[in-house]
Structure formats: structure tokens, C-alpha cells
All heavy atoms as atom14 arrays in JSON, in Angstrom:
{
  "sequence": "LTTPSRRLTSCCEAAGVPLAAHHTALDAALACAGLLRRYLAVGRERGQ",
  "atom14_mask": [
    [1, 1, 1, 1, 1, 1, 1, 1, 0, 0, 0, 0, 0, 0],
    [1, 1, 1, 1, 1, 1, 1, 0, 0, 0, 0, 0, 0, 0],
    [1, 1, 1, 1, 1, 1, 1, 0, 0, 0, 0, 0, 0, 0],
    [1, 1, 1, 1, 1, 1, 1, 0, 0, 0, 0, 0, 0, 0],
    [1, 1, 1, 1, 1, 1, 0, 0, 0, 0, 0, 0, 0, 0],
    [1, 1, 1, 1, 1, 1, 1, 1, 1, 1, 1, 0, 0, 0],
    [1, 1, 1, 1, 1, 1, 1, 1, 1, 1, 1, 0, 0, 0],
    [1, 1, 1, 1, 1, 1, 1, 1, 0, 0, 0, 0, 0, 0],
    [1, 1, 1, 1, 1, 1, 1, 0, 0, 0, 0, 0, 0, 0],
    [1, 1, 1, 1, 1, 1, 0, 0, 0, 0, 0, 0, 0, 0],
    [1, 1, 1, 1, 1, 1, 0, 0, 0, 0, 0, 0, 0, 0],
    [1, 1, 1, 1, 1, 1, 0, 0, 0, 0, 0, 0, 0, 0],
    [1, 1, 1, 1, 1, 1, 1, 1, 1, 0, 0, 0, 0, 0],
    [1, 1, 1, 1, 1, 0, 0, 0, 0, 0, 0, 0, 0, 0],
    [1, 1, 1, 1, 1, 0, 0, 0, 0, 0, 0, 0, 0, 0],
    [1, 1, 1, 1, 0, 0, 0, 0, 0, 0, 0, 0, 0, 0],
    [1, 1, 1, 1, 1, 1, 1, 0, 0, 0, 0, 0, 0, 0],
    [1, 1, 1, 1, 1, 1, 1, 0, 0, 0, 0, 0, 0, 0],
    [1, 1, 1, 1, 1, 1, 1, 1, 0, 0, 0, 0, 0, 0],
    [1, 1, 1, 1, 1, 0, 0, 0, 0, 0, 0, 0, 0, 0],
    [1, 1, 1, 1, 1, 0, 0, 0, 0, 0, 0, 0, 0, 0],
    [1, 1, 1, 1, 1, 1, 1, 1, 1, 1, 0, 0, 0, 0],
    [1, 1, 1, 1, 1, 1, 1, 1, 1, 1, 0, 0, 0, 0],
    [1, 1, 1, 1, 1, 1, 1, 0, 0, 0, 0, 0, 0, 0],
    [1, 1, 1, 1, 1, 0, 0, 0, 0, 0, 0, 0, 0, 0],
    [1, 1, 1, 1, 1, 1, 1, 1, 0, 0, 0, 0, 0, 0],
    [1, 1, 1, 1, 1, 1, 1, 1, 0, 0, 0, 0, 0, 0],
    [1, 1, 1, 1, 1, 0, 0, 0, 0, 0, 0, 0, 0, 0],
    [1, 1, 1, 1, 1, 0, 0, 0, 0, 0, 0, 0, 0, 0],
    [1, 1, 1, 1, 1, 1, 1, 1, 0, 0, 0, 0, 0, 0],
    [1, 1, 1, 1, 1, 0, 0, 0, 0, 0, 0, 0, 0, 0],
    [1, 1, 1, 1, 1, 1, 0, 0, 0, 0, 0, 0, 0, 0],
    [1, 1, 1, 1, 1, 0, 0, 0, 0, 0, 0, 0, 0, 0],
    [1, 1, 1, 1, 0, 0, 0, 0, 0, 0, 0, 0, 0, 0],
    [1, 1, 1, 1, 1, 1, 1, 1, 0, 0, 0, 0, 0, 0],
    [1, 1, 1, 1, 1, 1, 1, 1, 0, 0, 0, 0, 0, 0],
    [1, 1, 1, 1, 1, 1, 1, 1, 1, 1, 1, 0, 0, 0],
    [1, 1, 1, 1, 1, 1, 1, 1, 1, 1, 1, 0, 0, 0],
    [1, 1, 1, 1, 1, 1, 1, 1, 1, 1, 1, 1, 0, 0],
    [1, 1, 1, 1, 1, 1, 1, 1, 0, 0, 0, 0, 0, 0],
    [1, 1, 1, 1, 1, 0, 0, 0, 0, 0, 0, 0, 0, 0],
    [1, 1, 1, 1, 1, 1, 1, 0, 0, 0, 0, 0, 0, 0],
    [1, 1, 1, 1, 0, 0, 0, 0, 0, 0, 0, 0, 0, 0],
    [1, 1, 1, 1, 1, 1, 1, 1, 1, 1, 1, 0, 0, 0],
    [1, 1, 1, 1, 1, 1, 1, 1, 1, 0, 0, 0, 0, 0],
    [1, 1, 1, 1, 1, 1, 1, 1, 1, 1, 1, 0, 0, 0],
    [1, 1, 1, 1, 0, 0, 0, 0, 0, 0, 0, 0, 0, 0],
    [1, 1, 1, 1, 1, 1, 1, 1, 1, 0, 0, 0, 0, 0]
  ],
  "atom14_positions": [
    [[110.2, 84.78, 107.56], [110.83, 85.86, 106.78], [109.84, 86.46, 105.81], [108.87, 85.84, 105.34], [112.05, 85.31, 106.04], [113.14, 84.59, 106.74], [114.11, 84.01, 105.71], [113.81, 85.51, 107.62], [0.0, 0.0, 0.0], [0.0, 0.0, 0.0], [0.0, 0.0, 0.0], [0.0, 0.0, 0.0], [0.0, 0.0, 0.0], [0.0, 0.0, 0.0]],
    [[110.06, 87.71, 105.45], [109.43, 88.39, 104.34], [110.43, 88.35, 103.16], [111.48, 89.15, 103.11], [109.09, 89.8, 104.69], [108.16, 89.81, 105.77], [108.35, 90.42, 103.47], [0.0, 0.0, 0.0], [0.0, 0.0, 0.0], [0.0, 0.0, 0.0], [0.0, 0.0, 0.0], [0.0, 0.0, 0.0], [0.0, 0.0, 0.0], [0.0, 0.0, 0.0]],
    [[110.26, 87.52, 102.25], [111.18, 87.27, 101.23], [110.45, 86.96, 99.82], [109.42, 86.34, 99.84], [112.11, 86.15, 101.47], [113.0, 85.9, 100.35], [111.34, 84.86, 101.83], [0.0, 0.0, 0.0], [0.0, 0.0, 0.0], [0.0, 0.0, 0.0], [0.0, 0.0, 0.0], [0.0, 0.0, 0.0], [0.0, 0.0, 0.0], [0.0, 0.0, 0.0]],
    [[110.88, 87.64, 98.75], [110.15, 87.31, 97.44], [110.46, 85.97, 96.93], [109.83, 85.49, 96.06], [110.86, 88.48, 96.5], [112.07, 88.68, 97.09], [111.98, 88.57, 98.56], [0.0, 0.0, 0.0], [0.0, 0.0, 0.0], [0.0, 0.0, 0.0], [0.0, 0.0, 0.0], [0.0, 0.0, 0.0], [0.0, 0.0, 0.0], [0.0, 0.0, 0.0]],
    [[111.47, 85.33, 97.39], [111.82, 84.01, 96.98], [112.38, 83.17, 98.1], [112.95, 83.78, 99.06], [113.07, 84.17, 95.85], [113.65, 82.86, 95.55], [0.0, 0.0, 0.0], [0.0, 0.0, 0.0], [0.0, 0.0, 0.0], [0.0, 0.0, 0.0], [0.0, 0.0, 0.0], [0.0, 0.0, 0.0], [0.0, 0.0, 0.0], [0.0, 0.0, 0.0]],
    [[112.24, 81.86, 97.93], [112.79, 80.95, 98.99], [114.23, 80.45, 98.62], [114.71, 79.51, 99.36], [111.8, 79.82, 99.22], [110.47, 80.31, 99.83], [109.61, 79.15, 100.26], [109.16, 78.35, 99.16], [108.29, 77.31, 99.35], [107.84, 76.89, 100.5], [107.88, 76.59, 98.25], [0.0, 0.0, 0.0], [0.0, 0.0, 0.0], [0.0, 0.0, 0.0]],
    [[114.8, 80.95, 97.66], [116.19, 80.6, 97.3], [117.13, 81.0, 98.48], [116.8, 81.95, 99.22], [116.63, 81.32, 96.08], [115.96, 80.84, 94.78], [116.28, 81.85, 93.64], [117.73, 81.89, 93.46], [118.41, 81.04, 92.58], [117.85, 80.17, 91.93], [119.71, 81.28, 92.45], [0.0, 0.0, 0.0], [0.0, 0.0, 0.0], [0.0, 0.0, 0.0]],
    [[118.16, 80.22, 98.59], [119.0, 80.47, 99.73], [119.53, 81.91, 99.8], [119.6, 82.6, 100.79], [120.24, 79.5, 99.67], [121.24, 79.5, 100.9], [120.48, 79.26, 102.29], [122.37, 78.6, 100.62], [0.0, 0.0, 0.0], [0.0, 0.0, 0.0], [0.0, 0.0, 0.0], [0.0, 0.0, 0.0], [0.0, 0.0, 0.0], [0.0, 0.0, 0.0]],
    [[120.01, 82.35, 98.62], [120.54, 83.81, 98.59], [119.45, 84.83, 99.0], [119.84, 85.63, 99.81], [120.96, 84.09, 97.16], [119.93, 83.82, 96.16], [122.26, 83.27, 96.84], [0.0, 0.0, 0.0], [0.0, 0.0, 0.0], [0.0, 0.0, 0.0], [0.0, 0.0, 0.0], [0.0, 0.0, 0.0], [0.0, 0.0, 0.0], [0.0, 0.0, 0.0]],
    [[118.27, 84.62, 98.56], [117.25, 85.56, 98.85], [116.88, 85.49, 100.43], [116.68, 86.55, 101.08], [115.95, 85.34, 98.08], [116.19, 85.5, 96.69], [0.0, 0.0, 0.0], [0.0, 0.0, 0.0], [0.0, 0.0, 0.0], [0.0, 0.0, 0.0], [0.0, 0.0, 0.0], [0.0, 0.0, 0.0], [0.0, 0.0, 0.0], [0.0, 0.0, 0.0]],
    [[116.78, 84.27, 100.96], [116.46, 84.12, 102.34], [117.58, 84.61, 103.23], [117.28, 85.33, 104.31], [116.21, 82.63, 102.67], [114.85, 81.87, 102.0], [0.0, 0.0, 0.0], [0.0, 0.0, 0.0], [0.0, 0.0, 0.0], [0.0, 0.0, 0.0], [0.0, 0.0, 0.0], [0.0, 0.0, 0.0], [0.0, 0.0, 0.0], [0.0, 0.0, 0.0]],
    [[118.84, 84.41, 102.87], [119.92, 85.02, 103.58], [119.85, 86.57, 103.63], [120.07, 87.25, 104.61], [121.25, 84.57, 103.06], [121.56, 82.8, 103.51], [0.0, 0.0, 0.0], [0.0, 0.0, 0.0], [0.0, 0.0, 0.0], [0.0, 0.0, 0.0], [0.0, 0.0, 0.0], [0.0, 0.0, 0.0], [0.0, 0.0, 0.0], [0.0, 0.0, 0.0]],
    [[119.57, 87.05, 102.41], [119.5, 88.52, 102.38], [118.34, 89.1, 103.22], [118.56, 90.07, 103.93], [119.24, 89.1, 100.93], [119.19, 90.53, 100.77], [119.1, 90.9, 99.21], [119.15, 89.95, 98.39], [118.9, 92.1, 98.97], [0.0, 0.0, 0.0], [0.0, 0.0, 0.0], [0.0, 0.0, 0.0], [0.0, 0.0, 0.0], [0.0, 0.0, 0.0]],
    [[117.28, 88.45, 103.25], [116.11, 88.88, 104.03], [116.39, 88.77, 105.44], [115.87, 89.59, 106.31], [114.83, 88.11, 103.67], [0.0, 0.0, 0.0], [0.0, 0.0, 0.0], [0.0, 0.0, 0.0], [0.0, 0.0, 0.0], [0.0, 0.0, 0.0], [0.0, 0.0, 0.0], [0.0, 0.0, 0.0], [0.0, 0.0, 0.0], [0.0, 0.0, 0.0]],
    [[117.11, 87.74, 105.93], [117.37, 87.47, 107.31], [118.67, 88.15, 107.78], [118.95, 88.13, 109.0], [117.47, 86.04, 107.54], [0.0, 0.0, 0.0], [0.0, 0.0, 0.0], [0.0, 0.0, 0.0], [0.0, 0.0, 0.0], [0.0, 0.0, 0.0], [0.0, 0.0, 0.0], [0.0, 0.0, 0.0], [0.0, 0.0, 0.0], [0.0, 0.0, 0.0]],
    [[119.44, 88.77, 106.88], [120.69, 89.39, 107.28], [121.79, 88.32, 107.71], [122.6, 88.5, 108.51], [0.0, 0.0, 0.0], [0.0, 0.0, 0.0], [0.0, 0.0, 0.0], [0.0, 0.0, 0.0], [0.0, 0.0, 0.0], [0.0, 0.0, 0.0], [0.0, 0.0, 0.0], [0.0, 0.0, 0.0], [0.0, 0.0, 0.0], [0.0, 0.0, 0.0]],
    [[121.67, 87.25, 107.07], [122.65, 86.1, 107.27], [123.74, 86.1, 106.22], [123.42, 86.09, 105.0], [121.88, 84.76, 107.33], [122.89, 83.54, 107.25], [120.9, 84.63, 108.48], [0.0, 0.0, 0.0], [0.0, 0.0, 0.0], [0.0, 0.0, 0.0], [0.0, 0.0, 0.0], [0.0, 0.0, 0.0], [0.0, 0.0, 0.0], [0.0, 0.0, 0.0]],
    [[124.96, 86.13, 106.61], [126.06, 86.2, 105.58], [126.06, 84.74, 104.76], [125.93, 83.74, 105.42], [127.29, 86.32, 106.34], [126.97, 85.93, 107.77], [125.51, 86.18, 107.9], [0.0, 0.0, 0.0], [0.0, 0.0, 0.0], [0.0, 0.0, 0.0], [0.0, 0.0, 0.0], [0.0, 0.0, 0.0], [0.0, 0.0, 0.0], [0.0, 0.0, 0.0]],
    [[126.41, 84.84, 103.53], [126.56, 83.73, 102.69], [127.92, 83.91, 101.93], [127.83, 84.69, 100.92], [125.33, 83.52, 101.76], [125.52, 82.36, 100.63], [125.73, 81.07, 101.35], [124.19, 82.28, 99.78], [0.0, 0.0, 0.0], [0.0, 0.0, 0.0], [0.0, 0.0, 0.0], [0.0, 0.0, 0.0], [0.0, 0.0, 0.0], [0.0, 0.0, 0.0]],
    [[128.94, 83.32, 102.38], [130.23, 83.61, 101.88], [130.36, 83.18, 100.41], [130.82, 83.93, 99.5], [131.31, 82.99, 102.64], [0.0, 0.0, 0.0], [0.0, 0.0, 0.0], [0.0, 0.0, 0.0], [0.0, 0.0, 0.0], [0.0, 0.0, 0.0], [0.0, 0.0, 0.0], [0.0, 0.0, 0.0], [0.0, 0.0, 0.0], [0.0, 0.0, 0.0]],
    [[130.01, 81.93, 100.06], [130.12, 81.41, 98.72], [129.02, 80.43, 98.5], [129.07, 79.36, 98.95], [131.55, 80.73, 98.48], [0.0, 0.0, 0.0], [0.0, 0.0, 0.0], [0.0, 0.0, 0.0], [0.0, 0.0, 0.0], [0.0, 0.0, 0.0], [0.0, 0.0, 0.0], [0.0, 0.0, 0.0], [0.0, 0.0, 0.0], [0.0, 0.0, 0.0]],
    [[128.02, 80.82, 97.69], [126.95, 80.01, 97.35], [127.45, 78.8, 96.55], [128.37, 78.99, 95.77], [125.88, 80.78, 96.54], [124.63, 80.05, 96.41], [123.7, 80.26, 95.38], [124.03, 79.07, 97.19], [122.68, 79.6, 95.54], [122.85, 78.72, 96.57], [0.0, 0.0, 0.0], [0.0, 0.0, 0.0], [0.0, 0.0, 0.0], [0.0, 0.0, 0.0]],
    [[126.97, 77.55, 96.77], [127.43, 76.39, 96.15], [128.83, 75.99, 96.59], [129.45, 75.23, 95.83], [127.27, 76.42, 94.6], [125.94, 76.59, 94.07], [125.0, 75.55, 94.29], [125.24, 77.54, 93.47], [123.83, 75.87, 93.69], [123.86, 77.07, 93.22], [0.0, 0.0, 0.0], [0.0, 0.0, 0.0], [0.0, 0.0, 0.0], [0.0, 0.0, 0.0]],
    [[129.16, 76.41, 97.71], [130.33, 75.78, 98.39], [129.62, 75.16, 99.71], [129.03, 75.86, 100.46], [131.39, 76.8, 98.85], [131.98, 77.33, 97.67], [132.47, 76.07, 99.63], [0.0, 0.0, 0.0], [0.0, 0.0, 0.0], [0.0, 0.0, 0.0], [0.0, 0.0, 0.0], [0.0, 0.0, 0.0], [0.0, 0.0, 0.0], [0.0, 0.0, 0.0]],
    [[129.87, 73.85, 99.94], [128.99, 73.1, 100.83], [129.09, 73.67, 102.24], [127.95, 73.85, 102.95], [129.43, 71.61, 100.83], [0.0, 0.0, 0.0], [0.0, 0.0, 0.0], [0.0, 0.0, 0.0], [0.0, 0.0, 0.0], [0.0, 0.0, 0.0], [0.0, 0.0, 0.0], [0.0, 0.0, 0.0], [0.0, 0.0, 0.0], [0.0, 0.0, 0.0]],
    [[130.23, 73.94, 102.79], [130.24, 74.4, 104.16], [129.75, 75.81, 104.29], [129.04, 76.16, 105.22], [131.73, 74.37, 104.71], [131.79, 74.72, 106.23], [131.05, 73.86, 107.09], [133.3, 74.81, 106.69], [0.0, 0.0, 0.0], [0.0, 0.0, 0.0], [0.0, 0.0, 0.0], [0.0, 0.0, 0.0], [0.0, 0.0, 0.0], [0.0, 0.0, 0.0]],
    [[130.04, 76.67, 103.35], [129.51, 78.06, 103.37], [127.96, 78.03, 103.35], [127.28, 78.82, 104.05], [130.05, 78.84, 102.24], [131.45, 79.23, 102.48], [131.93, 79.23, 103.63], [132.2, 79.55, 101.5], [0.0, 0.0, 0.0], [0.0, 0.0, 0.0], [0.0, 0.0, 0.0], [0.0, 0.0, 0.0], [0.0, 0.0, 0.0], [0.0, 0.0, 0.0]],
    [[127.49, 77.2, 102.51], [125.94, 77.06, 102.4], [125.3, 76.47, 103.61], [124.23, 76.87, 104.11], [125.54, 76.23, 101.15], [0.0, 0.0, 0.0], [0.0, 0.0, 0.0], [0.0, 0.0, 0.0], [0.0, 0.0, 0.0], [0.0, 0.0, 0.0], [0.0, 0.0, 0.0], [0.0, 0.0, 0.0], [0.0, 0.0, 0.0], [0.0, 0.0, 0.0]],
    [[126.07, 75.55, 104.32], [125.54, 74.85, 105.48], [125.57, 75.82, 106.62], [124.66, 75.98, 107.44], [126.33, 73.62, 105.92], [0.0, 0.0, 0.0], [0.0, 0.0, 0.0], [0.0, 0.0, 0.0], [0.0, 0.0, 0.0], [0.0, 0.0, 0.0], [0.0, 0.0, 0.0], [0.0, 0.0, 0.0], [0.0, 0.0, 0.0], [0.0, 0.0, 0.0]],
    [[126.63, 76.73, 106.68], [126.73, 77.81, 107.73], [125.6, 78.8, 107.55], [125.03, 79.28, 108.51], [128.01, 78.35, 107.69], [129.26, 77.59, 108.3], [130.56, 78.19, 107.91], [129.08, 77.36, 109.8], [0.0, 0.0, 0.0], [0.0, 0.0, 0.0], [0.0, 0.0, 0.0], [0.0, 0.0, 0.0], [0.0, 0.0, 0.0], [0.0, 0.0, 0.0]],
    [[125.34, 79.15, 106.28], [124.16, 80.03, 106.0], [122.88, 79.54, 106.44], [122.02, 80.15, 106.95], [124.29, 80.47, 104.49], [0.0, 0.0, 0.0], [0.0, 0.0, 0.0], [0.0, 0.0, 0.0], [0.0, 0.0, 0.0], [0.0, 0.0, 0.0], [0.0, 0.0, 0.0], [0.0, 0.0, 0.0], [0.0, 0.0, 0.0], [0.0, 0.0, 0.0]],
    [[122.62, 78.19, 106.04], [121.48, 77.48, 106.47], [121.4, 77.5, 108.06], [120.22, 77.71, 108.58], [121.38, 76.08, 105.94], [119.92, 75.16, 106.28], [0.0, 0.0, 0.0], [0.0, 0.0, 0.0], [0.0, 0.0, 0.0], [0.0, 0.0, 0.0], [0.0, 0.0, 0.0], [0.0, 0.0, 0.0], [0.0, 0.0, 0.0], [0.0, 0.0, 0.0]],
    [[122.41, 77.31, 108.71], [122.49, 77.35, 110.18], [122.04, 78.64, 110.7], [121.3, 78.8, 111.63], [123.81, 76.92, 110.7], [0.0, 0.0, 0.0], [0.0, 0.0, 0.0], [0.0, 0.0, 0.0], [0.0, 0.0, 0.0], [0.0, 0.0, 0.0], [0.0, 0.0, 0.0], [0.0, 0.0, 0.0], [0.0, 0.0, 0.0], [0.0, 0.0, 0.0]],
    [[122.47, 79.72, 109.95], [122.14, 81.06, 110.33], [120.63, 81.37, 110.14], [119.99, 82.0, 110.98], [0.0, 0.0, 0.0], [0.0, 0.0, 0.0], [0.0, 0.0, 0.0], [0.0, 0.0, 0.0], [0.0, 0.0, 0.0], [0.0, 0.0, 0.0], [0.0, 0.0, 0.0], [0.0, 0.0, 0.0], [0.0, 0.0, 0.0], [0.0, 0.0, 0.0]],
    [[120.07, 80.7, 109.03], [118.59, 80.89, 108.89], [117.87, 80.21, 109.96], [116.86, 80.74, 110.5], [118.25, 80.33, 107.53], [118.6, 81.06, 106.32], [118.2, 80.31, 105.06], [118.01, 82.48, 106.31], [0.0, 0.0, 0.0], [0.0, 0.0, 0.0], [0.0, 0.0, 0.0], [0.0, 0.0, 0.0], [0.0, 0.0, 0.0], [0.0, 0.0, 0.0]],
    [[118.28, 78.95, 110.37], [117.59, 78.27, 111.38], [117.66, 79.08, 112.72], [116.63, 79.13, 113.44], [118.22, 76.91, 111.64], [117.44, 76.06, 112.79], [116.15, 75.7, 112.43], [118.45, 74.85, 113.14], [0.0, 0.0, 0.0], [0.0, 0.0, 0.0], [0.0, 0.0, 0.0], [0.0, 0.0, 0.0], [0.0, 0.0, 0.0], [0.0, 0.0, 0.0]],
    [[118.88, 79.58, 112.97], [119.02, 80.46, 114.21], [118.05, 81.67, 114.22], [117.45, 81.96, 115.23], [120.46, 80.87, 114.36], [120.82, 81.35, 115.67], [122.34, 81.33, 115.87], [123.1, 81.78, 114.79], [123.93, 80.95, 114.03], [123.92, 79.66, 114.22], [124.58, 81.43, 112.93], [0.0, 0.0, 0.0], [0.0, 0.0, 0.0], [0.0, 0.0, 0.0]],
    [[117.88, 82.25, 112.98], [116.88, 83.34, 112.85], [115.53, 82.86, 113.16], [114.65, 83.4, 113.83], [117.05, 84.0, 111.49], [115.98, 85.01, 111.23], [116.14, 86.25, 112.2], [115.12, 87.23, 111.85], [114.82, 88.24, 112.73], [115.31, 88.27, 113.91], [113.92, 89.13, 112.31], [0.0, 0.0, 0.0], [0.0, 0.0, 0.0], [0.0, 0.0, 0.0]],
    [[115.17, 81.66, 112.53], [113.76, 81.18, 112.78], [113.52, 80.84, 114.22], [112.5, 81.08, 114.75], [113.64, 79.84, 112.05], [113.7, 79.9, 110.46], [113.9, 81.11, 109.8], [113.53, 78.68, 109.66], [114.03, 81.2, 108.47], [113.76, 78.79, 108.36], [113.91, 80.0, 107.73], [114.02, 80.0, 106.4], [0.0, 0.0, 0.0], [0.0, 0.0, 0.0]],
    [[114.53, 80.26, 114.84], [114.39, 80.02, 116.35], [114.18, 81.29, 117.19], [113.35, 81.29, 118.07], [115.58, 79.26, 116.87], [115.76, 77.8, 116.39], [117.17, 77.28, 116.75], [114.71, 76.92, 116.86], [0.0, 0.0, 0.0], [0.0, 0.0, 0.0], [0.0, 0.0, 0.0], [0.0, 0.0, 0.0], [0.0, 0.0, 0.0], [0.0, 0.0, 0.0]],
    [[114.91, 82.36, 116.78], [114.79, 83.59, 117.53], [113.4, 84.24, 117.27], [112.77, 84.69, 118.26], [115.96, 84.55, 117.1], [0.0, 0.0, 0.0], [0.0, 0.0, 0.0], [0.0, 0.0, 0.0], [0.0, 0.0, 0.0], [0.0, 0.0, 0.0], [0.0, 0.0, 0.0], [0.0, 0.0, 0.0], [0.0, 0.0, 0.0], [0.0, 0.0, 0.0]],
    [[112.92, 84.19, 116.04], [111.59, 84.73, 115.75], [110.51, 83.89, 116.5], [109.66, 84.46, 117.08], [111.37, 84.68, 114.26], [109.84, 85.02, 113.98], [112.26, 85.69, 113.54], [0.0, 0.0, 0.0], [0.0, 0.0, 0.0], [0.0, 0.0, 0.0], [0.0, 0.0, 0.0], [0.0, 0.0, 0.0], [0.0, 0.0, 0.0], [0.0, 0.0, 0.0]],
    [[110.76, 82.56, 116.59], [109.86, 81.72, 117.32], [109.71, 82.08, 118.76], [108.64, 82.08, 119.36], [0.0, 0.0, 0.0], [0.0, 0.0, 0.0], [0.0, 0.0, 0.0], [0.0, 0.0, 0.0], [0.0, 0.0, 0.0], [0.0, 0.0, 0.0], [0.0, 0.0, 0.0], [0.0, 0.0, 0.0], [0.0, 0.0, 0.0], [0.0, 0.0, 0.0]],
    [[110.88, 82.32, 119.41], [111.0, 82.64, 120.75], [110.22, 83.98, 121.0], [109.54, 84.17, 121.99], [112.34, 82.73, 121.28], [113.1, 81.31, 121.43], [114.33, 81.45, 122.28], [115.4, 82.25, 121.59], [116.3, 81.71, 120.77], [116.32, 80.52, 120.42], [117.28, 82.6, 120.22], [0.0, 0.0, 0.0], [0.0, 0.0, 0.0], [0.0, 0.0, 0.0]],
    [[110.43, 84.89, 120.07], [109.8, 86.21, 120.25], [108.24, 86.08, 120.09], [107.53, 86.8, 120.79], [110.27, 87.18, 119.19], [111.61, 87.67, 119.27], [112.14, 88.41, 118.05], [111.35, 88.57, 117.07], [113.36, 88.83, 118.01], [0.0, 0.0, 0.0], [0.0, 0.0, 0.0], [0.0, 0.0, 0.0], [0.0, 0.0, 0.0], [0.0, 0.0, 0.0]],
    [[107.81, 85.09, 119.33], [106.3, 84.84, 119.29], [105.81, 83.94, 120.33], [104.64, 83.67, 120.42], [106.07, 84.21, 117.83], [106.37, 85.07, 116.73], [106.27, 84.18, 115.43], [106.49, 85.02, 114.2], [106.57, 84.5, 112.97], [106.53, 83.16, 112.84], [106.76, 85.24, 111.92], [0.0, 0.0, 0.0], [0.0, 0.0, 0.0], [0.0, 0.0, 0.0]],
    [[106.74, 83.38, 121.14], [106.33, 82.42, 122.19], [105.99, 81.12, 121.6], [105.27, 80.31, 122.16], [0.0, 0.0, 0.0], [0.0, 0.0, 0.0], [0.0, 0.0, 0.0], [0.0, 0.0, 0.0], [0.0, 0.0, 0.0], [0.0, 0.0, 0.0], [0.0, 0.0, 0.0], [0.0, 0.0, 0.0], [0.0, 0.0, 0.0], [0.0, 0.0, 0.0]],
    [[106.55, 80.86, 120.42], [106.37, 79.56, 119.75], [107.39, 78.55, 120.01], [108.44, 78.9, 120.49], [106.27, 79.75, 118.16], [105.16, 80.66, 117.79], [105.26, 80.92, 116.38], [106.23, 80.7, 115.69], [104.08, 81.39, 115.76], [0.0, 0.0, 0.0], [0.0, 0.0, 0.0], [0.0, 0.0, 0.0], [0.0, 0.0, 0.0], [0.0, 0.0, 0.0]]
  ]
}
């Protein structure tokens, strides 16, 4: 990602991943899952 911060909120904003309620465990886990899904997609585009 291109992000000014590695905070969850900033990473989700940079990746276009919804974060329903920060500091609610399931919402944060779903957002983290969305980030990983983005990382995997970028990796596939790079052939990584």
C-alpha cells in the first residue's frame, strides 16, 4: 500500500477496505481480512 501510516484506519482507507467500527473485535478482524485479501491480489498482479 501507499499509506502515510500503518494504523489500521489508515491502511483500510488506502486499500479501500471498509472498517465498520474500529476497536470492535470482529469489525477489526474483518477489516484485517480485507487488507490481507488486498495484499494477496497485489501479489498475484506482481506474480509474487
